[in-house]
Amino acid sequence: MPTAKIAVTVPRDVLDAVDAAARERGESRSGFISRVLRAAMKARSDAEVTRLLNEVFRDPEAAAEQLRVADELDSAGTDWSDETW
């Protein structure tokens, strides 16, 4: 994966906490920060998806249709065991 060097200014206490957390996990500072940033971006993306779904399901007709389809699928014996959350 291509990488890029950046310069970021952070308070000393934040850097000390990052270094301690990275050491505890056996990671480099860069590796730790990259992992945390990826998690933050995923959380942001997940929050956007949740916001959009909530917007869709605010419409009573859309919510009712989804419930109807889910009931039909349940009645047909749909196996939901491979669904991930």
Protein backbone atom coordinates (compact mmCIF):
# COMPACT_ATOMS: atom_id res chain seq x y z
CA MET A 1 0.00 0.00 0.00
CA PRO A 2 1.46 3.40 -0.93
CA THR A 3 2.24 5.67 1.99
CA ALA A 4 2.79 9.38 2.44
CA LYS A 5 4.73 11.23 5.10
CA ILE A 6 2.94 14.02 6.91
CA ALA A 7 3.78 16.41 9.71
CA VAL A 8 1.21 16.86 12.44
CA THR A 9 1.51 19.00 15.53
CA VAL A 10 -0.12 17.54 18.65
CA PRO A 11 0.03 18.39 22.32
CA ARG A 12 2.85 16.59 24.16
CA ASP A 13 0.43 14.69 26.41
CA VAL A 14 -1.39 13.32 23.36
CA LEU A 15 1.88 12.18 21.79
CA ASP A 16 2.93 10.55 25.07
CA ALA A 17 -0.41 8.70 25.24
CA VAL A 18 -0.09 7.59 21.60
CA ASP A 19 3.44 6.33 22.18
CA ALA A 20 2.39 4.44 25.32
CA ALA A 21 -0.60 2.84 23.57
CA ALA A 22 1.51 1.88 20.56
CA ARG A 23 4.16 0.33 22.83
CA GLU A 24 1.53 -1.66 24.73
CA ARG A 25 0.31 -3.11 21.43
CA GLY A 26 3.77 -3.68 20.00
CA GLU A 27 3.11 -1.23 17.17
CA SER A 28 5.07 1.65 15.76
CA ARG A 29 3.75 5.14 16.33
CA SER A 30 2.87 5.40 12.62
CA GLY A 31 1.16 2.01 12.63
CA PHE A 32 -0.88 2.88 15.69
CA ILE A 33 -1.93 6.28 14.34
CA SER A 34 -2.82 4.76 10.95
CA ARG A 35 -4.98 2.09 12.62
CA VAL A 36 -6.76 4.68 14.78
CA LEU A 37 -7.37 6.94 11.78
CA ARG A 38 -8.78 4.01 9.78
CA ALA A 39 -11.14 3.21 12.67
CA ALA A 40 -12.21 6.85 12.87
CA MET A 41 -12.92 6.99 9.14
CA LYS A 42 -14.89 3.72 9.31
CA ALA A 43 -16.92 5.08 12.23
CA ARG A 44 -17.62 8.23 10.24
CA SER A 45 -18.71 6.17 7.25
CA ASP A 46 -20.84 3.89 9.46
CA ALA A 47 -22.47 6.95 11.05
CA GLU A 48 -23.30 8.34 7.60
CA VAL A 49 -24.87 5.03 6.53
CA THR A 50 -26.90 4.96 9.75
CA ARG A 51 -28.03 8.55 9.18
CA LEU A 52 -29.15 7.75 5.65
CA LEU A 53 -31.00 4.61 6.74
CA ASN A 54 -32.71 6.52 9.52
CA GLU A 55 -33.77 9.11 6.97
CA VAL A 56 -35.25 6.43 4.71
CA PHE A 57 -37.09 4.69 7.54
CA ARG A 58 -38.60 7.93 8.81
CA ASP A 59 -40.96 7.51 5.86
CA PRO A 60 -43.78 5.35 7.28
CA GLU A 61 -44.46 3.78 3.87
CA ALA A 62 -40.83 2.71 3.42
CA ALA A 63 -40.69 1.31 6.96
CA ALA A 64 -43.94 -0.60 6.46
CA GLU A 65 -42.69 -2.04 3.15
CA GLN A 66 -39.46 -3.23 4.75
CA LEU A 67 -41.40 -4.92 7.56
CA ARG A 68 -43.72 -6.57 5.02
CA VAL A 69 -40.80 -7.92 2.98
CA ALA A 70 -38.98 -9.12 6.10
CA ASP A 71 -42.13 -10.94 7.27
CA GLU A 72 -42.48 -12.59 3.85
CA LEU A 73 -38.86 -13.70 3.91
CA ASP A 74 -39.26 -15.07 7.44
CA SER A 75 -42.41 -16.93 6.41
CA ALA A 76 -40.52 -18.42 3.45
CA GLY A 77 -37.93 -19.83 5.86
CA THR A 78 -35.06 -17.48 5.01
CA ASP A 79 -31.86 -18.47 6.81
CA TRP A 80 -30.50 -15.30 8.44
CA SER A 81 -27.60 -17.04 10.20
CA ASP A 82 -24.99 -15.67 7.80
CA GLU A 83 -26.02 -12.04 8.35
CA THR A 84 -23.27 -9.93 9.91
CA TRP A 85 -23.66 -6.82 12.00
